PDB file of N, CA and C in Angstrom:
ATOM      1  N   VAL A   1    -167.905  63.113  -8.607  1.00  0.00           N
ATOM      2  CA  VAL A   1    -168.145  61.713  -8.312  1.00  0.00           C
ATOM      3  C   VAL A   1    -166.888  61.143  -7.687  1.00  0.00           C
ATOM      4  N   LEU A   2    -167.056  60.478  -6.546  1.00  0.00           N
ATOM      5  CA  LEU A   2    -165.942  59.809  -5.880  1.00  0.00           C
ATOM      6  C   LEU A   2    -166.019  58.325  -6.148  1.00  0.00           C
ATOM      7  N   TYR A   3    -164.885  57.744  -6.407  1.00  0.00           N
ATOM      8  CA  TYR A   3    -164.817  56.308  -6.625  1.00  0.00           C
ATOM      9  C   TYR A   3    -163.983  55.682  -5.518  1.00  0.00           C
ATOM     10  N   LYS A   4    -164.443  54.582  -5.032  1.00  0.00           N
ATOM     11  CA  LYS A   4    -163.700  53.864  -4.015  1.00  0.00           C
ATOM     12  C   LYS A   4    -163.279  52.528  -4.608  1.00  0.00           C
ATOM     13  N   GLN A   5    -161.996  52.227  -4.473  1.00  0.00           N
ATOM     14  CA  GLN A   5    -161.496  50.950  -4.967  1.00  0.00           C
ATOM     15  C   GLN A   5    -162.010  49.847  -4.053  1.00  0.00           C
ATOM     16  N   TYR A   6    -162.543  48.810  -4.634  1.00  0.00           N
ATOM     17  CA  TYR A   6    -163.080  47.688  -3.877  1.00  0.00           C
ATOM     18  C   TYR A   6    -162.109  46.518  -3.961  1.00  0.00           C
ATOM     19  N   ASP A   7    -161.727  46.006  -2.802  1.00  0.00           N
ATOM     20  CA  ASP A   7    -160.839  44.853  -2.732  1.00  0.00           C
ATOM     21  C   ASP A   7    -161.691  43.625  -2.427  1.00  0.00           C
ATOM     22  N   ALA A   8    -161.798  42.717  -3.380  1.00  0.00           N
ATOM     23  CA  ALA A   8    -162.652  41.542  -3.218  1.00  0.00           C
ATOM     24  C   ALA A   8    -162.009  40.466  -2.352  1.00  0.00           C
ATOM     25  N   THR A   9    -160.725  40.594  -2.037  1.00  0.00           N
ATOM     26  CA  THR A   9    -160.066  39.591  -1.200  1.00  0.00           C
ATOM     27  C   THR A   9    -160.242  39.955   0.263  1.00  0.00           C
ATOM     28  N   PRO A  10    -160.488  38.957   1.120  1.00  0.00           N
ATOM     29  CA  PRO A  10    -160.638  39.249   2.541  1.00  0.00           C
ATOM     30  C   PRO A  10    -159.313  39.713   3.143  1.00  0.00           C
ATOM     31  N   ASP A  11    -159.398  40.310   4.300  1.00  0.00           N
ATOM     32  CA  ASP A  11    -158.174  40.726   4.984  1.00  0.00           C
ATOM     33  C   ASP A  11    -157.257  39.529   5.164  1.00  0.00           C
ATOM     34  N   ASN A  12    -156.002  39.731   4.874  1.00  0.00           N
ATOM     35  CA  ASN A  12    -155.008  38.671   5.014  1.00  0.00           C
ATOM     36  C   ASN A  12    -154.604  38.587   6.479  1.00  0.00           C
ATOM     37  N   LYS A  13    -154.917  37.470   7.120  1.00  0.00           N
ATOM     38  CA  LYS A  13    -154.565  37.283   8.525  1.00  0.00           C
ATOM     39  C   LYS A  13    -153.124  36.798   8.633  1.00  0.00           C
ATOM     40  N   GLU A  14    -152.468  37.150   9.737  1.00  0.00           N
ATOM     41  CA  GLU A  14    -151.078  36.735   9.893  1.00  0.00           C
ATOM     42  C   GLU A  14    -150.998  35.241  10.198  1.00  0.00           C
ATOM     43  N   PRO A  15    -149.930  34.589   9.720  1.00  0.00           N
ATOM     44  CA  PRO A  15    -149.744  33.170  10.009  1.00  0.00           C
ATOM     45  C   PRO A  15    -149.413  32.946  11.484  1.00  0.00           C
ATOM     46  N   VAL A  16    -149.481  31.698  11.895  1.00  0.00           N
ATOM     47  CA  VAL A  16    -149.246  31.342  13.298  1.00  0.00           C
ATOM     48  C   VAL A  16    -148.052  30.389  13.373  1.00  0.00           C
ATOM     49  N   ALA A  17    -147.059  30.746  14.191  1.00  0.00           N
ATOM     50  CA  ALA A  17    -145.863  29.924  14.373  1.00  0.00           C
ATOM     51  C   ALA A  17    -146.025  29.033  15.602  1.00  0.00           C
ATOM     52  N   HIS A  18    -145.768  27.744  15.421  1.00  0.00           N
ATOM     53  CA  HIS A  18    -145.754  26.770  16.527  1.00  0.00           C
ATOM     54  C   HIS A  18    -144.401  26.056  16.500  1.00  0.00           C
ATOM     55  N   PRO A  19    -143.464  26.463  17.360  1.00  0.00           N
ATOM     56  CA  PRO A  19    -142.132  25.851  17.321  1.00  0.00           C
ATOM     57  C   PRO A  19    -142.030  24.500  18.009  1.00  0.00           C
ATOM     58  N   GLY A  20    -143.121  24.028  18.625  1.00  0.00           N
ATOM     59  CA  GLY A  20    -143.042  22.762  19.350  1.00  0.00           C
ATOM     60  C   GLY A  20    -142.226  22.917  20.621  1.00  0.00           C
ATOM     61  N   GLY A  21    -141.787  21.798  21.159  1.00  0.00           N
ATOM     62  CA  GLY A  21    -140.951  21.824  22.355  1.00  0.00           C
ATOM     63  C   GLY A  21    -141.747  21.909  23.636  1.00  0.00           C
ATOM     64  N   PRO A  22    -141.082  22.066  24.760  1.00  0.00           N
ATOM     65  CA  PRO A  22    -139.629  22.259  24.857  1.00  0.00           C
ATOM     66  C   PRO A  22    -138.864  21.003  24.438  1.00  0.00           C
ATOM     67  N   TYR A  23    -137.635  21.224  24.008  1.00  0.00           N
ATOM     68  CA  TYR A  23    -136.786  20.159  23.497  1.00  0.00           C
ATOM     69  C   TYR A  23    -135.673  19.848  24.491  1.00  0.00           C
ATOM     70  N   THR A  24    -135.168  18.626  24.418  1.00  0.00           N
ATOM     71  CA  THR A  24    -134.008  18.239  25.222  1.00  0.00           C
ATOM     72  C   THR A  24    -133.021  17.535  24.313  1.00  0.00           C
ATOM     73  N   GLY A  25    -131.764  17.532  24.713  1.00  0.00           N
ATOM     74  CA  GLY A  25    -130.743  16.862  23.933  1.00  0.00           C
ATOM     75  C   GLY A  25    -129.442  16.802  24.679  1.00  0.00           C
ATOM     76  N   VAL A  26    -128.430  16.295  24.008  1.00  0.00           N
ATOM     77  CA  VAL A  26    -127.095  16.169  24.572  1.00  0.00           C
ATOM     78  C   VAL A  26    -126.119  16.853  23.624  1.00  0.00           C
ATOM     79  N   GLN A  27    -125.186  17.581  24.194  1.00  0.00           N
ATOM     80  CA  GLN A  27    -124.140  18.260  23.431  1.00  0.00           C
ATOM     81  C   GLN A  27    -123.503  17.284  22.432  1.00  0.00           C
ATOM     82  N   PHE A  28    -123.281  17.730  21.209  1.00  0.00           N
ATOM     83  CA  PHE A  28    -122.668  16.986  20.102  1.00  0.00           C
ATOM     84  C   PHE A  28    -123.589  15.917  19.505  1.00  0.00           C
ATOM     85  N   GLU A  29    -124.864  15.873  19.915  1.00  0.00           N
ATOM     86  CA  GLU A  29    -125.826  14.953  19.311  1.00  0.00           C
ATOM     87  C   GLU A  29    -126.965  15.778  18.715  1.00  0.00           C
ATOM     88  N   PRO A  30    -127.502  15.374  17.560  1.00  0.00           N
ATOM     89  CA  PRO A  30    -128.536  16.185  16.909  1.00  0.00           C
ATOM     90  C   PRO A  30    -129.836  16.253  17.716  1.00  0.00           C
ATOM     91  N   VAL A  31    -130.461  17.423  17.676  1.00  0.00           N
ATOM     92  CA  VAL A  31    -131.785  17.650  18.254  1.00  0.00           C
ATOM     93  C   VAL A  31    -132.722  17.918  17.086  1.00  0.00           C
ATOM     94  N   GLN A  32    -133.867  17.256  17.065  1.00  0.00           N
ATOM     95  CA  GLN A  32    -134.844  17.416  15.982  1.00  0.00           C
ATOM     96  C   GLN A  32    -135.933  18.395  16.415  1.00  0.00           C
ATOM     97  N   PHE A  33    -136.076  19.494  15.682  1.00  0.00           N
ATOM     98  CA  PHE A  33    -137.120  20.482  15.930  1.00  0.00           C
ATOM     99  C   PHE A  33    -138.288  20.218  14.984  1.00  0.00           C
ATOM    100  N   ASP A  34    -139.463  20.759  15.304  1.00  0.00           N
ATOM    101  CA  ASP A  34    -140.642  20.465  14.484  1.00  0.00           C
ATOM    102  C   ASP A  34    -141.638  21.616  14.529  1.00  0.00           C
ATOM    103  N   ALA A  35    -141.856  22.257  13.389  1.00  0.00           N
ATOM    104  CA  ALA A  35    -142.809  23.367  13.288  1.00  0.00           C
ATOM    105  C   ALA A  35    -143.995  23.012  12.404  1.00  0.00           C
ATOM    106  N   THR A  36    -144.299  21.723  12.271  1.00  0.00           N
ATOM    107  CA  THR A  36    -145.373  21.316  11.364  1.00  0.00           C
ATOM    108  C   THR A  36    -146.756  21.766  11.828  1.00  0.00           C
ATOM    109  N   ARG A  37    -146.893  22.191  13.076  1.00  0.00           N
ATOM    110  CA  ARG A  37    -148.182  22.704  13.546  1.00  0.00           C
ATOM    111  C   ARG A  37    -148.366  24.188  13.213  1.00  0.00           C
ATOM    112  N   SER A  38    -147.358  24.830  12.626  1.00  0.00           N
ATOM    113  CA  SER A  38    -147.489  26.212  12.171  1.00  0.00           C
ATOM    114  C   SER A  38    -148.439  26.237  10.981  1.00  0.00           C
ATOM    115  N   TYR A  39    -149.170  27.349  10.826  1.00  0.00           N
ATOM    116  CA  TYR A  39    -150.130  27.398   9.719  1.00  0.00           C
ATOM    117  C   TYR A  39    -150.443  28.838   9.323  1.00  0.00           C
ATOM    118  N   ASP A  40    -151.028  28.952   8.139  1.00  0.00           N
ATOM    119  CA  ASP A  40    -151.545  30.226   7.662  1.00  0.00           C
ATOM    120  C   ASP A  40    -153.059  30.078   7.539  1.00  0.00           C
ATOM    121  N   PRO A  41    -153.851  30.993   8.121  1.00  0.00           N
ATOM    122  CA  PRO A  41    -155.312  30.870   8.076  1.00  0.00           C
ATOM    123  C   PRO A  41    -155.887  30.782   6.660  1.00  0.00           C
ATOM    124  N   GLU A  42    -155.227  31.385   5.684  1.00  0.00           N
ATOM    125  CA  GLU A  42    -155.707  31.332   4.302  1.00  0.00           C
ATOM    126  C   GLU A  42    -155.095  30.170   3.525  1.00  0.00           C
ATOM    127  N   GLY A  43    -154.236  29.376   4.152  1.00  0.00           N
ATOM    128  CA  GLY A  43    -153.631  28.227   3.481  1.00  0.00           C
ATOM    129  C   GLY A  43    -152.444  28.551   2.604  1.00  0.00           C
ATOM    130  N   ILE A  44    -151.864  29.744   2.749  1.00  0.00           N
ATOM    131  CA  ILE A  44    -150.694  30.133   1.959  1.00  0.00           C
ATOM    132  C   ILE A  44    -149.475  29.366   2.475  1.00  0.00           C
ATOM    133  N   ASP A  45    -148.613  28.918   1.556  1.00  0.00           N
ATOM    134  CA  ASP A  45    -147.380  28.227   1.948  1.00  0.00           C
ATOM    135  C   ASP A  45    -146.527  29.143   2.811  1.00  0.00           C
ATOM    136  N   LEU A  46    -145.737  28.528   3.703  1.00  0.00           N
ATOM    137  CA  LEU A  46    -144.940  29.283   4.655  1.00  0.00           C
ATOM    138  C   LEU A  46    -143.448  29.044   4.481  1.00  0.00           C
ATOM    139  N   GLU A  47    -142.679  30.070   4.835  1.00  0.00           N
ATOM    140  CA  GLU A  47    -141.232  29.974   4.967  1.00  0.00           C
ATOM    141  C   GLU A  47    -140.953  29.994   6.465  1.00  0.00           C
ATOM    142  N   TYR A  48    -140.007  29.200   6.920  1.00  0.00           N
ATOM    143  CA  TYR A  48    -139.710  29.059   8.347  1.00  0.00           C
ATOM    144  C   TYR A  48    -138.378  29.719   8.659  1.00  0.00           C
ATOM    145  N   ARG A  49    -138.337  30.498   9.733  1.00  0.00           N
ATOM    146  CA  ARG A  49    -137.108  31.196  10.145  1.00  0.00           C
ATOM    147  C   ARG A  49    -136.826  30.892  11.611  1.00  0.00           C
ATOM    148  N   TRP A  50    -135.963  29.897  11.819  1.00  0.00           N
ATOM    149  CA  TRP A  50    -135.584  29.459  13.158  1.00  0.00           C
ATOM    150  C   TRP A  50    -134.336  30.205  13.624  1.00  0.00           C
ATOM    151  N   THR A  51    -134.280  30.543  14.895  1.00  0.00           N
ATOM    152  CA  THR A  51    -133.069  30.983  15.574  1.00  0.00           C
ATOM    153  C   THR A  51    -132.879  30.017  16.732  1.00  0.00           C
ATOM    154  N   LEU A  52    -131.747  29.312  16.763  1.00  0.00           N
ATOM    155  CA  LEU A  52    -131.596  28.162  17.645  1.00  0.00           C
ATOM    156  C   LEU A  52    -130.884  28.440  18.960  1.00  0.00           C
ATOM    157  N   GLY A  53    -130.539  29.693  19.228  1.00  0.00           N
ATOM    158  CA  GLY A  53    -130.063  30.078  20.556  1.00  0.00           C
ATOM    159  C   GLY A  53    -128.583  29.931  20.821  1.00  0.00           C
ATOM    160  N   ASP A  54    -127.812  29.499  19.831  1.00  0.00           N
ATOM    161  CA  ASP A  54    -126.373  29.297  20.066  1.00  0.00           C
ATOM    162  C   ASP A  54    -125.506  30.067  19.081  1.00  0.00           C
ATOM    163  N   GLU A  55    -126.057  31.097  18.480  1.00  0.00           N
ATOM    164  CA  GLU A  55    -125.350  31.937  17.513  1.00  0.00           C
ATOM    165  C   GLU A  55    -124.992  31.188  16.230  1.00  0.00           C
ATOM    166  N   SER A  56    -125.634  30.042  15.988  1.00  0.00           N
ATOM    167  CA  SER A  56    -125.436  29.334  14.725  1.00  0.00           C
ATOM    168  C   SER A  56    -126.211  30.066  13.631  1.00  0.00           C
ATOM    169  N   VAL A  57    -125.941  29.714  12.397  1.00  0.00           N
ATOM    170  CA  VAL A  57    -126.641  30.314  11.264  1.00  0.00           C
ATOM    171  C   VAL A  57    -128.115  29.909  11.347  1.00  0.00           C
ATOM    172  N   PRO A  58    -129.045  30.870  11.268  1.00  0.00           N
ATOM    173  CA  PRO A  58    -130.470  30.513  11.291  1.00  0.00           C
ATOM    174  C   PRO A  58    -130.805  29.531  10.169  1.00  0.00           C
ATOM    175  N   THR A  59    -131.821  28.723  10.401  1.00  0.00           N
ATOM    176  CA  THR A  59    -132.214  27.720   9.425  1.00  0.00           C
ATOM    177  C   THR A  59    -133.644  27.963   8.965  1.00  0.00           C
ATOM    178  N   SER A  60    -133.992  27.424   7.798  1.00  0.00           N
ATOM    179  CA  SER A  60    -135.311  27.704   7.228  1.00  0.00           C
ATOM    180  C   SER A  60    -136.116  26.442   6.934  1.00  0.00           C
ATOM    181  N   ASN A  61    -135.776  25.313   7.528  1.00  0.00           N
ATOM    182  CA  ASN A  61    -136.533  24.085   7.325  1.00  0.00           C
ATOM    183  C   ASN A  61    -137.721  24.031   8.277  1.00  0.00           C
ATOM    184  N   VAL A  62    -138.759  23.300   7.910  1.00  0.00           N
ATOM    185  CA  VAL A  62    -139.913  23.139   8.781  1.00  0.00           C
ATOM    186  C   VAL A  62    -139.554  22.300  10.004  1.00  0.00           C
ATOM    187  N   ALA A  63    -138.667  21.317   9.828  1.00  0.00           N
ATOM    188  CA  ALA A  63    -138.279  20.434  10.934  1.00  0.00           C
ATOM    189  C   ALA A  63    -136.764  20.212  10.900  1.00  0.00           C
ATOM    190  N   PRO A  64    -135.998  21.236  11.261  1.00  0.00           N
ATOM    191  CA  PRO A  64    -134.540  21.109  11.164  1.00  0.00           C
ATOM    192  C   PRO A  64    -133.960  20.247  12.281  1.00  0.00           C
ATOM    193  N   SER A  65    -132.818  19.678  11.992  1.00  0.00           N
ATOM    194  CA  SER A  65    -132.009  18.979  12.984  1.00  0.00           C
ATOM    195  C   SER A  65    -130.791  19.857  13.243  1.00  0.00           C
ATOM    196  N   HIS A  66    -130.410  19.984  14.515  1.00  0.00           N
ATOM    197  CA  HIS A  66    -129.273  20.846  14.845  1.00  0.00           C
ATOM    198  C   HIS A  66    -128.432  20.187  15.927  1.00  0.00           C
ATOM    199  N   THR A  67    -127.123  20.255  15.772  1.00  0.00           N
ATOM    200  CA  THR A  67    -126.196  19.716  16.766  1.00  0.00           C
ATOM    201  C   THR A  67    -125.546  20.880  17.495  1.00  0.00           C
ATOM    202  N   TYR A  68    -125.749  20.937  18.797  1.00  0.00           N
ATOM    203  CA  TYR A  68    -125.171  21.997  19.632  1.00  0.00           C
ATOM    204  C   TYR A  68    -123.763  21.588  20.071  1.00  0.00           C
ATOM    205  N   THR A  69    -122.832  22.539  20.011  1.00  0.00           N
ATOM    206  CA  THR A  69    -121.471  22.292  20.496  1.00  0.00           C
ATOM    207  C   THR A  69    -121.281  22.835  21.901  1.00  0.00           C
ATOM    208  N   ILE A  70    -122.306  23.497  22.435  1.00  0.00           N
ATOM    209  CA  ILE A  70    -122.292  23.991  23.804  1.00  0.00           C
ATOM    210  C   ILE A  70    -123.464  23.349  24.541  1.00  0.00           C
ATOM    211  N   CYS A  71    -123.426  23.405  25.864  1.00  0.00           N
ATOM    212  CA  CYS A  71    -124.537  22.845  26.631  1.00  0.00           C
ATOM    213  C   CYS A  71    -125.181  23.960  27.448  1.00  0.00           C
ATOM    214  N   GLY A  72    -126.412  23.712  27.882  1.00  0.00           N
ATOM    215  CA  GLY A  72    -127.163  24.690  28.656  1.00  0.00           C
ATOM    216  C   GLY A  72    -128.563  24.852  28.097  1.00  0.00           C
ATOM    217  N   LEU A  73    -129.282  25.825  28.614  1.00  0.00           N
ATOM    218  CA  LEU A  73    -130.650  26.099  28.183  1.00  0.00           C
ATOM    219  C   LEU A  73    -130.625  27.115  27.038  1.00  0.00           C
ATOM    220  N   MET A  74    -131.100  26.711  25.876  1.00  0.00           N
ATOM    221  CA  MET A  74    -131.104  27.563  24.685  1.00  0.00           C
ATOM    222  C   MET A  74    -132.500  28.132  24.475  1.00  0.00           C
ATOM    223  N   ASN A  75    -132.574  29.425  24.198  1.00  0.00           N
ATOM    224  CA  ASN A  75    -133.838  30.056  23.819  1.00  0.00           C
ATOM    225  C   ASN A  75    -133.976  29.944  22.304  1.00  0.00           C
ATOM    226  N   VAL A  76    -134.980  29.214  21.869  1.00  0.00           N
ATOM    227  CA  VAL A  76    -135.206  28.927  20.454  1.00  0.00           C
ATOM    228  C   VAL A  76    -136.425  29.713  19.997  1.00  0.00           C
ATOM    229  N   SER A  77    -136.319  30.356  18.831  1.00  0.00           N
ATOM    230  CA  SER A  77    -137.474  31.110  18.324  1.00  0.00           C
ATOM    231  C   SER A  77    -137.774  30.733  16.883  1.00  0.00           C
ATOM    232  N   LEU A  78    -139.026  30.983  16.515  1.00  0.00           N
ATOM    233  CA  LEU A  78    -139.497  30.691  15.164  1.00  0.00           C
ATOM    234  C   LEU A  78    -140.411  31.813  14.694  1.00  0.00           C
ATOM    235  N   VAL A  79    -140.187  32.253  13.466  1.00  0.00           N
ATOM    236  CA  VAL A  79    -141.092  33.167  12.762  1.00  0.00           C
ATOM    237  C   VAL A  79    -141.447  32.472  11.456  1.00  0.00           C
ATOM    238  N   VAL A  80    -142.733  32.497  11.096  1.00  0.00           N
ATOM    239  CA  VAL A  80    -143.139  31.966   9.793  1.00  0.00           C
ATOM    240  C   VAL A  80    -143.622  33.123   8.930  1.00  0.00           C
ATOM    241  N   VAL A  81    -143.329  33.033   7.633  1.00  0.00           N
ATOM    242  CA  VAL A  81    -143.640  34.107   6.688  1.00  0.00           C
ATOM    243  C   VAL A  81    -144.356  33.505   5.489  1.00  0.00           C
ATOM    244  N   GLU A  82    -145.429  34.160   5.055  1.00  0.00           N
ATOM    245  CA  GLU A  82    -146.138  33.732   3.847  1.00  0.00           C
ATOM    246  C   GLU A  82    -145.209  33.856   2.641  1.00  0.00           C
ATOM    247  N   THR A  83    -145.327  32.921   1.715  1.00  0.00           N
ATOM    248  CA  THR A  83    -144.444  32.919   0.546  1.00  0.00           C
ATOM    249  C   THR A  83    -145.029  33.652  -0.654  1.00  0.00           C
ATOM    250  N   GLU A  84    -146.241  34.173  -0.522  1.00  0.00           N
ATOM    251  CA  GLU A  84    -146.854  34.898  -1.643  1.00  0.00           C
ATOM    252  C   GLU A  84    -147.751  36.001  -1.100  1.00  0.00           C
ATOM    253  N   GLY A  85    -148.283  36.785  -2.008  1.00  0.00           N
ATOM    254  CA  GLY A  85    -149.182  37.877  -1.605  1.00  0.00           C
ATOM    255  C   GLY A  85    -148.441  38.950  -0.836  1.00  0.00           C
ATOM    256  N   THR A  86    -149.006  39.352   0.286  1.00  0.00           N
ATOM    257  CA  THR A  86    -148.409  40.426   1.082  1.00  0.00           C
ATOM    258  C   THR A  86    -147.267  39.938   1.945  1.00  0.00           C
ATOM    259  N   ALA A  87    -147.027  38.621   1.978  1.00  0.00           N
ATOM    260  CA  ALA A  87    -145.923  38.016   2.728  1.00  0.00           C
ATOM    261  C   ALA A  87    -145.934  38.444   4.190  1.00  0.00           C
ATOM    262  N   ARG A  88    -147.092  38.333   4.813  1.00  0.00           N
ATOM    263  CA  ARG A  88    -147.192  38.653   6.240  1.00  0.00           C
ATOM    264  C   ARG A  88    -146.382  37.658   7.047  1.00  0.00           C
ATOM    265  N   SER A  89    -145.889  38.111   8.193  1.00  0.00           N
ATOM    266  CA  SER A  89    -145.133  37.223   9.072  1.00  0.00           C
ATOM    267  C   SER A  89    -145.847  37.086  10.409  1.00  0.00           C
ATOM    268  N   SER A  90    -145.537  36.003  11.098  1.00  0.00           N
ATOM    269  CA  SER A  90    -146.134  35.725  12.401  1.00  0.00           C
ATOM    270  C   SER A  90    -145.419  36.525  13.489  1.00  0.00           C
ATOM    271  N   GLU A  91    -145.999  36.516  14.659  1.00  0.00           N
ATOM    272  CA  GLU A  91    -145.287  36.964  15.847  1.00  0.00           C
ATOM    273  C   GLU A  91    -144.184  35.932  16.106  1.00  0.00           C
ATOM    274  N   ARG A  92    -143.095  36.365  16.738  1.00  0.00           N
ATOM    275  CA  ARG A  92    -142.029  35.432  17.090  1.00  0.00           C
ATOM    276  C   ARG A  92    -142.536  34.528  18.209  1.00  0.00           C
ATOM    277  N   ALA A  93    -142.422  33.208  18.018  1.00  0.00           N
ATOM    278  CA  ALA A  93    -142.836  32.225  19.023  1.00  0.00           C
ATOM    279  C   ALA A  93    -141.582  31.611  19.641  1.00  0.00           C
ATOM    280  N   TRP A  94    -141.625  31.361  20.943  1.00  0.00           N
ATOM    281  CA  TRP A  94    -140.453  30.898  21.687  1.00  0.00           C
ATOM    282  C   TRP A  94    -140.664  29.517  22.287  1.00  0.00           C
ATOM    283  N   THR A  95    -139.578  28.775  22.388  1.00  0.00           N
ATOM    284  CA  THR A  95    -139.509  27.532  23.139  1.00  0.00           C
ATOM    285  C   THR A  95    -138.075  27.405  23.638  1.00  0.00           C
ATOM    286  N   THR A  96    -137.748  26.290  24.265  1.00  0.00           N
ATOM    287  CA  THR A  96    -136.383  26.093  24.763  1.00  0.00           C
ATOM    288  C   THR A  96    -135.841  24.765  24.298  1.00  0.00           C
ATOM    289  N   ALA A  97    -134.522  24.671  24.320  1.00  0.00           N
ATOM    290  CA  ALA A  97    -133.808  23.410  24.108  1.00  0.00           C
ATOM    291  C   ALA A  97    -132.819  23.285  25.271  1.00  0.00           C
ATOM    292  N   ASN A  98    -133.052  22.307  26.128  1.00  0.00           N
ATOM    293  CA  ASN A  98    -132.181  22.084  27.274  1.00  0.00           C
ATOM    294  C   ASN A  98    -131.135  21.044  26.875  1.00  0.00           C
ATOM    295  N   ILE A  99    -129.888  21.480  26.700  1.00  0.00           N
ATOM    296  CA  ILE A  99    -128.834  20.632  26.171  1.00  0.00           C
ATOM    297  C   ILE A  99    -127.889  20.240  27.310  1.00  0.00           C
ATOM    298  N   ALA A 100    -127.855  18.952  27.608  1.00  0.00           N
ATOM    299  CA  ALA A 100    -126.972  18.432  28.658  1.00  0.00           C
ATOM    300  C   ALA A 100    -125.544  18.369  28.124  1.00  0.00           C
ATOM    301  N   CYS A 101    -124.584  18.571  29.012  1.00  0.00           N
ATOM    302  CA  CYS A 101    -123.188  18.465  28.632  1.00  0.00           C
ATOM    303  C   CYS A 101    -122.852  16.989  28.362  1.00  0.00           C
ATOM    304  N   ALA A 102    -122.056  16.759  27.328  1.00  0.00           N
ATOM    305  CA  ALA A 102    -121.652  15.402  26.977  1.00  0.00           C
ATOM    306  C   ALA A 102    -120.741  14.837  28.055  1.00  0.00           C
ATOM    307  N   SER A 103    -120.815  13.536  28.286  1.00  0.00           N
ATOM    308  CA  SER A 103    -119.951  12.868  29.252  1.00  0.00           C
ATOM    309  C   SER A 103    -118.523  12.878  28.752  1.00  0.00           C
ATOM    310  N   LYS A 104    -117.602  12.980  29.674  1.00  0.00           N
ATOM    311  CA  LYS A 104    -116.171  12.997  29.287  1.00  0.00           C
ATOM    312  C   LYS A 104    -115.587  11.617  29.335  1.00  0.00           C
TER     313      LYS A 104
END
């Protein structure tokens, strides 16, 4: 007799990252990012993993504020990860932050 384990939970779908943007700002002034449109199809809470394009320490807030000390076009990415269960993660989603140089 063969027994097959039955999993009553549906397949866990990967969450979806929405980093917003594109963003604009000025060097030495805060830029507000917003990932509130990110979601998990099963409604599992998410952890946010931002990379802000300037070699700063990554941040984990849903809507972080960041002050750039350099100017130029920054490639910003976001990955969201489920906080429970299998902890699936999203594909990396990209946007930009165009930071103007501060006036002298």
